[in-house]
Amino acid sequence: MIAKKFIAFPKQKKIKKIVRLFGHENDYTSVIQTNIFSDNENSQKLIMVKFIFSAFFVIFSIAFAIQPLQAQGWEFGGTLGAAFYRGDLDVNASNFVPQSRPMIGVFGRYELGDNWALRTDLNVARIFVSEKYFSDYQYRKTRGFSFGTNFLEMNLQLQWLPIRLWDKVSFYGIGGVGIVSFDPKPKFNLPNPYLRDNDPNLMRDKAANYSRTSIVIPLGSGMRIDLGNDWVFGTEMSMRKTFTDYLDGISHTANPKTNDYYFFMNLLLSKKFGGGGSGYGRRSWSSSYGRGGKVRCYRF
């Protein structure tokens, strides 16, 4: 809309400000066409939106077709934890905790019978990595790349709950689809012995006009503990597969062959509404007794 306004009512000073912003002072038309009305970028975003809606539709369809609904109600709650990253600025697993950053979110959950549930999340998090401080390899410490980004994620998950202990503790797996918005701020620590200022890969990364949104595929597992009839406490570990290599703002200068990932390790607390059940029926479970007490497993 801003660009259309400038085109319809051209003002030289305003156009020059836009031109300087994009760094093409000798070609106004190039700036407008390349950076504002990028048909390729708009096409990619349209495909992404269609994919998200299609995936949401498929998940809902599968969820409601699994078995007749015996829903016990809704849960609403919040989550708090840590976010980790794995990508071009890779660090050893031993450094995941020192380089972790906080995440916080809210969610709603709807039970779909005995062993299935739908959950939708809205999460805000930050990830940060510095090779100088968190890498165990000397050449990476010397290279010293770093980046940080805040991001906003929305997703829809299908949960499968196959195991329940003592009628209070349940274990589950998750899979779904979502979208993440991010804005990385990479730092290349120039000059350094491993990278020249005029390195072609460095120039490509600095000039890259990549999308700041990506589809994500959440996968993970967790544990839920019923705290009476109304409250549920949980812990969860999950990863997000992205479809971008620019979550960190760096690709060609490091490893352009693989996309980036990020992870959540978080605690959850929710309150039940509209029925209060645990979401577990009796027809699909078999019981056995061991030394630790009663274990109920899903009957295939």
Protein backbone atom coordinates (compact mmCIF):
# COMPACT_ATOMS: atom_id res chain seq x y z
CA MET A 1 0.00 0.00 0.00
CA ILE A 2 2.84 2.41 0.80
CA ALA A 3 4.50 1.75 -2.53
CA LYS A 4 1.24 2.23 -4.43
CA LYS A 5 0.74 5.56 -2.68
CA PHE A 6 4.17 6.74 -3.80
CA ILE A 7 3.51 5.61 -7.36
CA ALA A 8 0.13 7.32 -7.54
CA PHE A 9 1.40 10.54 -5.94
CA PRO A 10 5.14 10.70 -6.69
CA LYS A 11 7.20 12.93 -4.46
CA GLN A 12 10.88 13.06 -5.18
CA LYS A 13 12.06 13.25 -1.58
CA LYS A 14 9.97 10.33 -0.44
CA ILE A 15 11.05 8.18 -3.37
CA LYS A 16 14.71 8.96 -2.66
CA LYS A 17 14.25 7.85 0.94
CA ILE A 18 12.91 4.51 -0.24
CA VAL A 19 15.69 4.20 -2.78
CA ARG A 20 18.37 4.85 -0.17
CA LEU A 21 16.70 2.34 2.13
CA PHE A 22 17.04 -0.42 -0.46
CA GLY A 23 20.44 0.74 -1.69
CA HIS A 24 19.72 1.36 -5.41
CA GLU A 25 20.13 5.08 -5.83
CA ASN A 26 20.42 5.02 -9.63
CA ASP A 27 17.34 2.99 -10.50
CA TYR A 28 13.97 3.88 -8.94
CA THR A 29 12.06 1.35 -11.04
CA SER A 30 14.36 -1.48 -9.99
CA VAL A 31 13.75 -0.71 -6.33
CA ILE A 32 9.99 -0.72 -6.69
CA GLN A 33 9.79 -3.84 -8.81
CA THR A 34 12.47 -5.89 -7.09
CA ASN A 35 11.91 -5.11 -3.43
CA ILE A 36 8.28 -4.10 -3.05
CA PHE A 37 6.30 -5.98 -5.70
CA SER A 38 8.30 -9.22 -5.89
CA ASP A 39 6.04 -11.62 -7.78
CA ASN A 40 8.20 -14.56 -6.78
CA GLU A 41 8.01 -13.75 -3.07
CA ASN A 42 4.25 -13.15 -3.21
CA SER A 43 3.82 -16.46 -5.03
CA GLN A 44 5.80 -18.29 -2.35
CA LYS A 45 3.71 -16.73 0.41
CA LEU A 46 0.49 -17.68 -1.40
CA ILE A 47 1.69 -21.29 -1.70
CA MET A 48 2.61 -21.27 2.00
CA VAL A 49 -0.83 -20.00 3.05
CA LYS A 50 -2.55 -22.62 0.89
CA PHE A 51 -0.34 -25.34 2.38
CA ILE A 52 -1.15 -24.26 5.95
CA PHE A 53 -4.91 -24.22 5.37
CA SER A 54 -4.75 -27.57 3.55
CA ALA A 55 -2.70 -29.14 6.35
CA PHE A 56 -5.07 -27.81 9.02
CA PHE A 57 -8.01 -29.26 7.09
CA VAL A 58 -6.32 -32.65 6.77
CA ILE A 59 -5.45 -32.78 10.50
CA PHE A 60 -9.01 -31.89 11.49
CA SER A 61 -10.39 -34.49 9.07
CA ILE A 62 -8.11 -37.23 10.37
CA ALA A 63 -8.83 -36.31 13.98
CA PHE A 64 -12.60 -36.46 13.59
CA ALA A 65 -12.43 -39.67 11.56
CA ILE A 66 -10.27 -41.62 14.02
CA GLN A 67 -13.22 -42.72 16.14
CA PRO A 68 -16.64 -41.43 17.27
CA LEU A 69 -16.28 -38.28 19.33
CA GLN A 70 -16.45 -38.80 23.08
CA ALA A 71 -14.94 -35.44 23.94
CA GLN A 72 -14.59 -34.49 27.57
CA GLY A 73 -14.17 -30.77 26.96
CA TRP A 74 -11.61 -28.05 26.53
CA GLU A 75 -8.38 -27.16 28.25
CA PHE A 76 -6.74 -23.74 28.20
CA GLY A 77 -3.33 -23.01 29.60
CA GLY A 78 0.13 -21.57 29.34
CA THR A 79 3.64 -22.83 28.80
CA LEU A 80 7.10 -21.66 29.80
CA GLY A 81 10.46 -23.07 28.86
CA ALA A 82 13.62 -22.81 26.80
CA ALA A 83 14.29 -22.59 23.06
CA PHE A 84 17.31 -24.14 21.32
CA TYR A 85 18.62 -23.92 17.79
CA ARG A 86 20.43 -26.17 15.34
CA GLY A 87 21.58 -24.93 11.96
CA ASP A 88 24.48 -23.26 10.17
CA LEU A 89 26.04 -22.05 13.42
CA ASP A 90 25.97 -25.49 14.95
CA VAL A 91 27.18 -25.99 18.50
CA ASN A 92 27.74 -29.18 20.48
CA ALA A 93 24.86 -30.67 22.44
CA SER A 94 26.76 -29.93 25.66
CA ASN A 95 26.26 -26.22 24.93
CA PHE A 96 22.50 -26.37 24.30
CA VAL A 97 21.70 -25.25 27.85
CA PRO A 98 24.13 -22.28 27.98
CA GLN A 99 22.92 -20.96 24.60
CA SER A 100 19.20 -21.53 25.32
CA ARG A 101 16.81 -18.59 25.48
CA PRO A 102 13.30 -18.30 26.96
CA MET A 103 10.02 -19.23 25.30
CA ILE A 104 6.49 -18.55 26.50
CA GLY A 105 3.12 -19.39 25.04
CA VAL A 106 -0.59 -20.09 25.44
CA PHE A 107 -2.60 -23.01 24.11
CA GLY A 108 -6.04 -24.54 23.81
CA ARG A 109 -6.67 -28.28 23.76
CA TYR A 110 -9.75 -30.27 22.75
CA GLU A 111 -10.17 -33.97 23.53
CA LEU A 112 -11.29 -36.24 20.71
CA GLY A 113 -12.30 -39.37 22.50
CA ASP A 114 -10.30 -41.97 24.35
CA ASN A 115 -6.78 -41.46 23.09
CA TRP A 116 -6.62 -38.40 20.81
CA ALA A 117 -6.65 -34.63 21.21
CA LEU A 118 -6.16 -31.48 19.16
CA ARG A 119 -4.05 -28.63 20.48
CA THR A 120 -3.28 -25.22 19.04
CA ASP A 121 -0.36 -23.15 20.34
CA LEU A 122 0.76 -19.55 20.10
CA ASN A 123 4.40 -19.25 21.18
CA VAL A 124 6.88 -16.39 21.46
CA ALA A 125 10.57 -17.23 21.82
CA ARG A 126 14.12 -16.09 21.24
CA ILE A 127 17.11 -18.04 19.98
CA PHE A 128 20.73 -16.95 20.07
CA VAL A 129 24.01 -18.60 19.10
CA SER A 130 27.60 -17.37 19.14
CA GLU A 131 30.36 -19.61 17.82
CA LYS A 132 32.84 -17.56 19.80
CA TYR A 133 31.33 -18.64 23.13
CA PHE A 134 29.44 -21.89 22.50
CA SER A 135 31.47 -23.87 19.96
CA ASP A 136 34.05 -26.46 20.97
CA TYR A 137 35.92 -26.21 17.65
CA GLN A 138 38.76 -23.71 17.48
CA TYR A 139 38.18 -22.69 13.86
CA ARG A 140 34.56 -21.85 14.70
CA LYS A 141 35.60 -19.88 17.74
CA THR A 142 37.99 -17.92 15.52
CA ARG A 143 35.38 -17.47 12.80
CA GLY A 144 33.00 -16.19 15.47
CA PHE A 145 29.67 -16.02 13.62
CA SER A 146 26.65 -15.16 15.77
CA PHE A 147 22.98 -14.30 15.42
CA GLY A 148 19.86 -13.70 17.42
CA THR A 149 16.19 -13.54 16.57
CA ASN A 150 12.84 -13.26 18.27
CA PHE A 151 10.08 -15.24 16.63
CA LEU A 152 6.34 -15.85 16.78
CA GLU A 153 4.95 -19.31 16.09
CA MET A 154 1.40 -20.60 15.62
CA ASN A 155 0.66 -24.30 15.15
CA LEU A 156 -1.97 -27.02 15.21
CA GLN A 157 -1.05 -30.40 16.70
CA LEU A 158 -2.65 -33.82 16.83
CA GLN A 159 -1.83 -35.68 20.05
CA TRP A 160 -1.85 -39.45 20.52
CA LEU A 161 -1.90 -40.73 24.12
CA PRO A 162 -1.06 -44.48 24.14
CA ILE A 163 0.07 -45.02 27.76
CA ARG A 164 -1.44 -44.11 31.12
CA LEU A 165 -0.13 -44.87 34.62
CA TRP A 166 -2.13 -44.96 37.86
CA ASP A 167 -5.03 -43.11 36.16
CA LYS A 168 -3.06 -39.88 36.68
CA VAL A 169 0.03 -39.85 34.47
CA SER A 170 -0.14 -40.12 30.70
CA PHE A 171 2.45 -40.05 27.93
CA TYR A 172 1.81 -38.70 24.45
CA GLY A 173 3.32 -37.99 21.07
CA ILE A 174 2.60 -34.97 18.88
CA GLY A 175 2.71 -34.11 15.21
CA GLY A 176 1.33 -31.15 13.34
CA VAL A 177 1.92 -28.13 11.17
CA GLY A 178 2.44 -24.44 11.84
CA ILE A 179 3.99 -21.21 10.70
CA VAL A 180 6.80 -19.15 12.23
CA SER A 181 7.73 -15.51 11.72
CA PHE A 182 11.33 -14.48 12.43
CA ASP A 183 13.82 -11.65 11.78
CA PRO A 184 17.45 -12.74 12.30
CA LYS A 185 20.35 -10.37 12.95
CA PRO A 186 23.51 -12.21 11.83
CA LYS A 187 27.00 -10.96 12.65
CA PHE A 188 29.94 -12.24 10.60
CA ASN A 189 32.78 -11.05 12.88
CA LEU A 190 34.84 -9.48 10.09
CA PRO A 191 37.69 -9.56 9.42
CA ASN A 192 38.71 -13.07 10.41
CA PRO A 193 41.21 -15.62 8.99
CA TYR A 194 38.47 -17.79 7.48
CA LEU A 195 36.45 -15.18 5.61
CA ARG A 196 37.32 -12.24 3.37
CA ASP A 197 35.18 -9.13 3.14
CA ASN A 198 34.61 -9.77 -0.56
CA ASP A 199 33.90 -13.49 -0.24
CA PRO A 200 31.18 -14.33 -2.84
CA ASN A 201 29.18 -16.49 -0.42
CA LEU A 202 29.27 -13.74 2.16
CA MET A 203 28.02 -11.25 -0.42
CA ARG A 204 25.18 -13.62 -1.37
CA ASP A 205 24.06 -13.95 2.25
CA LYS A 206 24.22 -10.21 2.87
CA ALA A 207 22.19 -9.51 -0.27
CA ALA A 208 19.71 -12.37 0.15
CA ASN A 209 16.06 -11.31 -0.01
CA TYR A 210 14.62 -14.29 1.86
CA SER A 211 11.16 -14.70 3.35
CA ARG A 212 10.83 -14.00 7.09
CA THR A 213 8.16 -16.67 7.47
CA SER A 214 8.35 -20.45 7.13
CA ILE A 215 6.18 -23.51 7.52
CA VAL A 216 7.20 -25.66 10.51
CA ILE A 217 6.49 -29.29 11.36
CA PRO A 218 6.27 -29.84 15.15
CA LEU A 219 7.25 -33.33 16.35
CA GLY A 220 7.78 -34.42 19.92
CA SER A 221 6.57 -36.15 23.06
CA GLY A 222 5.45 -35.23 26.52
CA MET A 223 3.96 -36.26 29.84
CA ARG A 224 0.74 -35.08 31.52
CA ILE A 225 -0.13 -35.33 35.22
CA ASP A 226 -3.71 -34.80 36.39
CA LEU A 227 -3.80 -32.53 39.44
CA GLY A 228 -7.27 -33.36 40.66
CA ASN A 229 -10.28 -32.88 38.40
CA ASP A 230 -9.55 -29.43 37.00
CA TRP A 231 -5.82 -28.87 36.51
CA VAL A 232 -3.16 -30.61 34.43
CA PHE A 233 0.60 -30.19 34.70
CA GLY A 234 2.88 -31.33 31.90
CA THR A 235 6.38 -31.39 30.51
CA GLU A 236 7.28 -31.59 26.82
CA MET A 237 10.24 -31.82 24.45
CA SER A 238 9.67 -31.04 20.78
CA MET A 239 11.50 -30.05 17.62
CA ARG A 240 10.43 -27.85 14.74
CA LYS A 241 11.54 -28.73 11.24
CA THR A 242 11.57 -25.54 9.18
CA PHE A 243 11.66 -25.08 5.42
CA THR A 244 14.22 -22.29 5.42
CA ASP A 245 17.99 -22.12 5.74
CA TYR A 246 17.79 -18.49 6.83
CA LEU A 247 16.38 -18.83 10.33
CA ASP A 248 19.83 -17.57 11.40
CA GLY A 249 20.25 -15.22 8.42
CA ILE A 250 23.19 -17.30 7.19
CA SER A 251 23.23 -19.96 4.47
CA HIS A 252 25.84 -19.90 1.70
CA THR A 253 28.63 -18.76 4.03
CA ALA A 254 28.15 -21.89 6.15
CA ASN A 255 26.06 -24.92 5.13
CA PRO A 256 23.46 -24.23 2.41
CA LYS A 257 22.55 -27.91 1.93
CA THR A 258 20.34 -28.32 5.02
CA ASN A 259 17.55 -26.27 6.55
CA ASP A 260 17.50 -25.03 10.13
CA TYR A 261 15.73 -26.51 13.15
CA TYR A 262 14.71 -25.26 16.56
CA PHE A 263 13.59 -27.03 19.73
CA PHE A 264 11.43 -26.38 22.77
CA MET A 265 11.81 -27.86 26.23
CA ASN A 266 8.92 -26.57 28.30
CA LEU A 267 6.50 -26.94 31.18
CA LEU A 268 2.73 -26.66 30.73
CA LEU A 269 -0.15 -25.88 33.08
CA SER A 270 -3.78 -25.97 31.97
CA LYS A 271 -7.31 -25.89 33.36
CA LYS A 272 -10.13 -28.13 32.16
CA PHE A 273 -13.50 -26.74 31.10
CA GLY A 274 -16.75 -28.33 30.00
CA GLY A 275 -16.68 -31.85 31.35
CA GLY A 276 -13.55 -32.30 33.41
CA GLY A 277 -12.76 -35.84 32.29
CA SER A 278 -9.29 -37.06 31.59
CA GLY A 279 -10.00 -37.90 27.98
CA TYR A 280 -9.57 -41.64 28.51
CA GLY A 281 -12.45 -44.01 27.98
CA ARG A 282 -12.60 -47.58 29.18
CA ARG A 283 -13.29 -49.57 26.03
CA SER A 284 -9.90 -49.20 24.35
CA TRP A 285 -7.62 -49.94 27.27
CA SER A 286 -6.22 -53.12 28.81
CA SER A 287 -4.86 -53.17 32.34
CA SER A 288 -1.92 -54.92 33.95
CA TYR A 289 -0.38 -54.74 37.39
CA GLY A 290 3.33 -54.55 38.03
CA ARG A 291 5.56 -53.70 40.93
CA GLY A 292 5.02 -49.99 40.40
CA GLY A 293 1.20 -50.11 40.26
CA LYS A 294 -1.41 -50.06 37.53
CA VAL A 295 -0.37 -49.49 33.91
CA ARG A 296 -2.97 -48.99 31.20
CA CYS A 297 -1.89 -49.46 27.61
CA TYR A 298 -3.75 -48.80 24.43
CA ARG A 299 -5.10 -52.00 22.82
CA PHE A 300 -4.20 -52.13 19.11
